[in-house]
């Protein structure tokens, strides 16, 4: 499995509630992405946002993070996204969020 972590900036003053609305609007794009097991949306008060994605394979991940995807992020939010890939040899699940 592969974990991909994306990161980019949103416009200054974007609140958690505003970011959540943006994230929720993007859910349909990712819900049925082939090979995507799980996605977490990330937000920091300094305007940093991103996602943590768990993929079945790097080939599946590469189908999403295209030049078109990067261009779309830049056009919508004004910043270039980064994507970092990690092999994911071990996963621990403790029964869900508390």
N, C-alpha and C. Protein backbone atom coordinates (compact mmCIF):
# COMPACT_ATOMS: atom_id res chain seq x y z
N UNK A 1 0.84 -1.18 0.00
CA UNK A 1 0.00 0.00 0.00
C UNK A 1 0.88 1.24 0.00
N UNK A 2 0.26 2.33 -0.40
CA UNK A 2 0.94 3.62 -0.50
C UNK A 2 0.15 4.66 0.27
N UNK A 3 0.86 5.47 1.05
CA UNK A 3 0.26 6.64 1.67
C UNK A 3 0.79 7.86 0.93
N UNK A 4 -0.13 8.73 0.52
CA UNK A 4 0.23 10.00 -0.10
C UNK A 4 -0.23 11.12 0.81
N UNK A 5 0.64 12.09 1.03
CA UNK A 5 0.28 13.26 1.82
C UNK A 5 0.39 14.47 0.92
N UNK A 6 -0.74 15.18 0.78
CA UNK A 6 -0.76 16.39 -0.02
C UNK A 6 -0.79 17.59 0.90
N UNK A 7 -0.27 18.70 0.42
CA UNK A 7 -0.28 19.93 1.20
C UNK A 7 -0.31 21.13 0.27
N UNK A 8 -1.05 22.15 0.70
CA UNK A 8 -1.07 23.43 -0.01
C UNK A 8 -1.67 24.47 0.93
N UNK A 9 -1.67 25.71 0.52
CA UNK A 9 -2.20 26.81 1.33
C UNK A 9 -3.55 27.25 0.77
N UNK A 10 -4.44 27.65 1.65
CA UNK A 10 -5.69 28.28 1.24
C UNK A 10 -5.55 29.78 1.50
N UNK A 11 -6.44 30.59 0.94
CA UNK A 11 -6.33 32.03 1.14
C UNK A 11 -6.33 32.42 2.62
N UNK A 12 -5.60 33.47 2.97
CA UNK A 12 -5.58 33.93 4.37
C UNK A 12 -7.00 34.18 4.88
N UNK A 13 -7.21 33.82 6.14
CA UNK A 13 -8.52 34.04 6.75
C UNK A 13 -9.50 32.90 6.55
N UNK A 14 -9.10 31.85 5.84
CA UNK A 14 -9.99 30.70 5.65
C UNK A 14 -10.14 29.99 7.00
N UNK A 15 -11.36 29.97 7.49
CA UNK A 15 -11.63 29.36 8.79
C UNK A 15 -11.79 27.85 8.66
N UNK A 16 -11.79 27.18 9.79
CA UNK A 16 -12.03 25.74 9.80
C UNK A 16 -13.38 25.41 9.18
N UNK A 17 -14.40 26.19 9.51
CA UNK A 17 -15.73 25.94 8.95
C UNK A 17 -15.74 26.12 7.44
N UNK A 18 -15.05 27.15 6.95
CA UNK A 18 -14.97 27.37 5.50
C UNK A 18 -14.19 26.25 4.83
N UNK A 19 -13.10 25.82 5.45
CA UNK A 19 -12.31 24.71 4.89
C UNK A 19 -13.14 23.44 4.88
N UNK A 20 -13.89 23.20 5.94
CA UNK A 20 -14.73 22.00 6.01
C UNK A 20 -15.74 22.00 4.86
N UNK A 21 -16.33 23.14 4.57
CA UNK A 21 -17.29 23.24 3.46
C UNK A 21 -16.61 22.93 2.12
N UNK A 22 -15.40 23.43 1.94
CA UNK A 22 -14.63 23.15 0.73
C UNK A 22 -14.34 21.65 0.64
N UNK A 23 -13.91 21.08 1.75
CA UNK A 23 -13.60 19.64 1.78
C UNK A 23 -14.84 18.81 1.45
N UNK A 24 -15.96 19.14 2.10
CA UNK A 24 -17.19 18.38 1.87
C UNK A 24 -17.62 18.44 0.40
N UNK A 25 -17.42 19.58 -0.23
CA UNK A 25 -17.78 19.73 -1.65
C UNK A 25 -16.94 18.83 -2.54
N UNK A 26 -15.74 18.47 -2.08
CA UNK A 26 -14.85 17.64 -2.90
C UNK A 26 -15.05 16.14 -2.68
N UNK A 27 -15.84 15.77 -1.70
CA UNK A 27 -16.02 14.36 -1.38
C UNK A 27 -16.42 13.51 -2.59
N UNK A 28 -17.39 13.93 -3.40
CA UNK A 28 -17.78 13.08 -4.53
C UNK A 28 -16.62 12.74 -5.48
N UNK A 29 -15.66 13.64 -5.61
CA UNK A 29 -14.52 13.38 -6.48
C UNK A 29 -13.70 12.17 -6.00
N UNK A 30 -13.65 11.98 -4.70
CA UNK A 30 -12.79 10.95 -4.13
C UNK A 30 -13.54 9.68 -3.70
N UNK A 31 -14.86 9.75 -3.53
CA UNK A 31 -15.61 8.63 -2.98
C UNK A 31 -15.41 7.33 -3.74
N UNK A 32 -15.34 7.37 -5.02
CA UNK A 32 -15.22 6.14 -5.81
C UNK A 32 -13.93 6.08 -6.60
N UNK A 33 -12.91 6.79 -6.14
CA UNK A 33 -11.62 6.77 -6.84
C UNK A 33 -11.05 5.35 -6.78
N UNK A 34 -10.75 4.77 -7.93
CA UNK A 34 -10.22 3.41 -7.94
C UNK A 34 -8.93 3.29 -7.12
N UNK A 35 -8.92 2.34 -6.21
CA UNK A 35 -7.73 2.08 -5.41
C UNK A 35 -7.60 2.90 -4.15
N UNK A 36 -8.48 3.91 -3.97
CA UNK A 36 -8.41 4.73 -2.75
C UNK A 36 -9.13 4.01 -1.63
N UNK A 37 -8.40 3.72 -0.56
CA UNK A 37 -8.97 3.03 0.59
C UNK A 37 -9.56 4.03 1.57
N UNK A 38 -8.85 5.11 1.81
CA UNK A 38 -9.24 6.07 2.84
C UNK A 38 -8.61 7.41 2.55
N UNK A 39 -9.31 8.49 2.94
CA UNK A 39 -8.76 9.83 2.83
C UNK A 39 -9.11 10.62 4.08
N UNK A 40 -8.12 11.34 4.60
CA UNK A 40 -8.32 12.27 5.71
C UNK A 40 -8.03 13.67 5.20
N UNK A 41 -8.90 14.61 5.53
CA UNK A 41 -8.68 16.02 5.20
C UNK A 41 -7.98 16.69 6.38
N UNK A 42 -7.03 17.56 6.08
CA UNK A 42 -6.23 18.22 7.11
C UNK A 42 -6.39 19.73 7.03
N UNK A 43 -6.38 20.38 8.19
CA UNK A 43 -6.49 21.84 8.28
C UNK A 43 -5.63 22.34 9.43
N UNK A 44 -4.88 23.40 9.18
CA UNK A 44 -4.14 24.08 10.24
C UNK A 44 -4.53 25.56 10.20
N UNK A 45 -4.60 26.20 11.35
CA UNK A 45 -5.03 27.61 11.40
C UNK A 45 -4.17 28.57 10.59
N UNK A 46 -2.94 28.18 10.24
CA UNK A 46 -2.08 29.07 9.46
C UNK A 46 -2.43 29.06 7.97
N UNK A 47 -3.48 28.31 7.59
CA UNK A 47 -3.88 28.24 6.19
C UNK A 47 -3.30 27.07 5.44
N UNK A 48 -2.61 26.18 6.16
CA UNK A 48 -2.11 24.96 5.54
C UNK A 48 -3.22 23.92 5.57
N UNK A 49 -3.46 23.29 4.43
CA UNK A 49 -4.43 22.21 4.35
C UNK A 49 -3.82 21.07 3.54
N UNK A 50 -4.49 19.97 3.54
CA UNK A 50 -4.00 18.85 2.75
C UNK A 50 -4.81 17.62 3.00
N UNK A 51 -4.24 16.50 2.60
CA UNK A 51 -4.91 15.24 2.77
C UNK A 51 -3.92 14.12 2.99
N UNK A 52 -4.40 13.11 3.68
CA UNK A 52 -3.64 11.87 3.84
C UNK A 52 -4.49 10.80 3.17
N UNK A 53 -3.90 10.14 2.17
CA UNK A 53 -4.61 9.17 1.36
C UNK A 53 -3.93 7.81 1.52
N UNK A 54 -4.72 6.77 1.69
CA UNK A 54 -4.20 5.42 1.69
C UNK A 54 -4.66 4.75 0.40
N UNK A 55 -3.69 4.33 -0.41
CA UNK A 55 -3.95 3.75 -1.72
C UNK A 55 -3.53 2.28 -1.76
N UNK A 56 -4.19 1.51 -2.60
CA UNK A 56 -3.80 0.11 -2.82
C UNK A 56 -2.45 0.03 -3.51
N UNK A 57 -2.16 0.99 -4.41
CA UNK A 57 -0.90 0.95 -5.15
C UNK A 57 -0.50 2.35 -5.59
N UNK A 58 0.76 2.50 -5.92
CA UNK A 58 1.26 3.77 -6.45
C UNK A 58 0.61 4.07 -7.80
N UNK A 59 0.37 3.04 -8.59
CA UNK A 59 -0.28 3.26 -9.89
C UNK A 59 -1.66 3.88 -9.71
N UNK A 60 -2.41 3.42 -8.71
CA UNK A 60 -3.72 4.02 -8.43
C UNK A 60 -3.57 5.48 -8.02
N UNK A 61 -2.61 5.76 -7.16
CA UNK A 61 -2.38 7.13 -6.70
C UNK A 61 -1.99 8.04 -7.86
N UNK A 62 -1.14 7.56 -8.72
CA UNK A 62 -0.66 8.38 -9.83
C UNK A 62 -1.79 8.78 -10.78
N UNK A 63 -2.87 8.03 -10.79
CA UNK A 63 -4.01 8.38 -11.65
C UNK A 63 -4.72 9.64 -11.15
N UNK A 64 -4.55 9.96 -9.87
CA UNK A 64 -5.19 11.16 -9.32
C UNK A 64 -4.30 12.39 -9.41
N UNK A 65 -3.04 12.25 -9.03
CA UNK A 65 -2.15 13.41 -8.89
C UNK A 65 -1.51 13.77 -10.22
N UNK A 66 -2.33 14.16 -11.15
CA UNK A 66 -1.89 14.52 -12.49
C UNK A 66 -1.56 16.00 -12.56
N UNK A 67 -1.00 16.41 -13.68
CA UNK A 67 -0.76 17.84 -13.90
C UNK A 67 -2.08 18.60 -13.85
N UNK A 68 -3.15 18.00 -14.35
CA UNK A 68 -4.47 18.64 -14.31
C UNK A 68 -4.94 18.84 -12.87
N UNK A 69 -4.72 17.85 -12.01
CA UNK A 69 -5.11 17.98 -10.60
C UNK A 69 -4.32 19.11 -9.94
N UNK A 70 -3.02 19.15 -10.18
CA UNK A 70 -2.18 20.21 -9.59
C UNK A 70 -2.62 21.59 -10.08
N UNK A 71 -2.93 21.69 -11.36
CA UNK A 71 -3.39 22.96 -11.93
C UNK A 71 -4.72 23.37 -11.30
N UNK A 72 -5.61 22.42 -11.09
CA UNK A 72 -6.90 22.70 -10.49
C UNK A 72 -6.75 23.25 -9.07
N UNK A 73 -5.86 22.64 -8.29
CA UNK A 73 -5.61 23.13 -6.92
C UNK A 73 -5.08 24.56 -6.97
N UNK A 74 -4.12 24.80 -7.84
CA UNK A 74 -3.53 26.15 -7.95
C UNK A 74 -4.58 27.18 -8.35
N UNK A 75 -5.44 26.82 -9.30
CA UNK A 75 -6.47 27.75 -9.75
C UNK A 75 -7.50 28.04 -8.64
N UNK A 76 -7.87 27.03 -7.88
CA UNK A 76 -8.89 27.20 -6.84
C UNK A 76 -8.37 27.88 -5.59
N UNK A 77 -7.09 27.63 -5.24
CA UNK A 77 -6.60 28.10 -3.95
C UNK A 77 -5.40 29.03 -4.03
N UNK A 78 -4.81 29.16 -5.20
CA UNK A 78 -3.71 30.11 -5.37
C UNK A 78 -2.36 29.61 -4.92
N UNK A 79 -2.25 28.31 -4.65
CA UNK A 79 -0.94 27.78 -4.26
C UNK A 79 -0.72 26.42 -4.92
N UNK A 80 0.54 26.10 -5.13
CA UNK A 80 0.90 24.82 -5.72
C UNK A 80 0.87 23.73 -4.66
N UNK A 81 0.23 22.61 -4.95
CA UNK A 81 0.24 21.52 -3.98
C UNK A 81 1.53 20.70 -4.06
N UNK A 82 1.87 20.10 -2.94
CA UNK A 82 2.94 19.11 -2.93
C UNK A 82 2.31 17.75 -2.65
N UNK A 83 2.95 16.71 -3.14
CA UNK A 83 2.51 15.34 -2.89
C UNK A 83 3.75 14.54 -2.50
N UNK A 84 3.69 13.89 -1.35
CA UNK A 84 4.78 13.04 -0.89
C UNK A 84 4.23 11.63 -0.73
N UNK A 85 4.96 10.66 -1.26
CA UNK A 85 4.54 9.27 -1.23
C UNK A 85 5.38 8.46 -0.25
N UNK A 86 4.72 7.54 0.43
CA UNK A 86 5.39 6.64 1.36
C UNK A 86 4.88 5.21 1.14
N UNK A 87 5.76 4.25 1.16
CA UNK A 87 5.34 2.86 1.25
C UNK A 87 4.70 2.68 2.62
N UNK A 88 3.65 1.89 2.69
CA UNK A 88 2.93 1.70 3.95
C UNK A 88 2.90 0.21 4.28
N UNK A 89 3.97 -0.29 4.91
CA UNK A 89 4.06 -1.73 5.15
C UNK A 89 3.26 -2.24 6.33
N UNK A 90 2.88 -1.36 7.27
CA UNK A 90 2.16 -1.79 8.47
C UNK A 90 1.09 -0.74 8.79
N UNK A 91 -0.10 -1.22 9.14
CA UNK A 91 -1.19 -0.33 9.53
C UNK A 91 -1.76 -0.86 10.84
N UNK A 92 -2.04 0.03 11.78
CA UNK A 92 -2.68 -0.33 13.04
C UNK A 92 -4.03 0.37 13.06
N UNK A 93 -5.08 -0.39 13.36
CA UNK A 93 -6.41 0.20 13.51
C UNK A 93 -6.88 -0.11 14.92
N UNK A 94 -7.21 0.93 15.67
CA UNK A 94 -7.61 0.76 17.07
C UNK A 94 -9.11 0.90 17.29
N UNK A 95 -9.90 0.68 16.28
CA UNK A 95 -11.34 0.67 16.49
C UNK A 95 -12.04 1.98 16.26
N UNK A 96 -11.39 2.95 15.68
CA UNK A 96 -12.07 4.19 15.33
C UNK A 96 -11.71 5.35 16.21
N UNK A 97 -12.20 6.50 15.81
CA UNK A 97 -11.91 7.75 16.53
C UNK A 97 -12.69 7.79 17.83
N UNK A 98 -12.12 8.44 18.81
CA UNK A 98 -12.79 8.60 20.10
C UNK A 98 -13.53 9.89 20.15
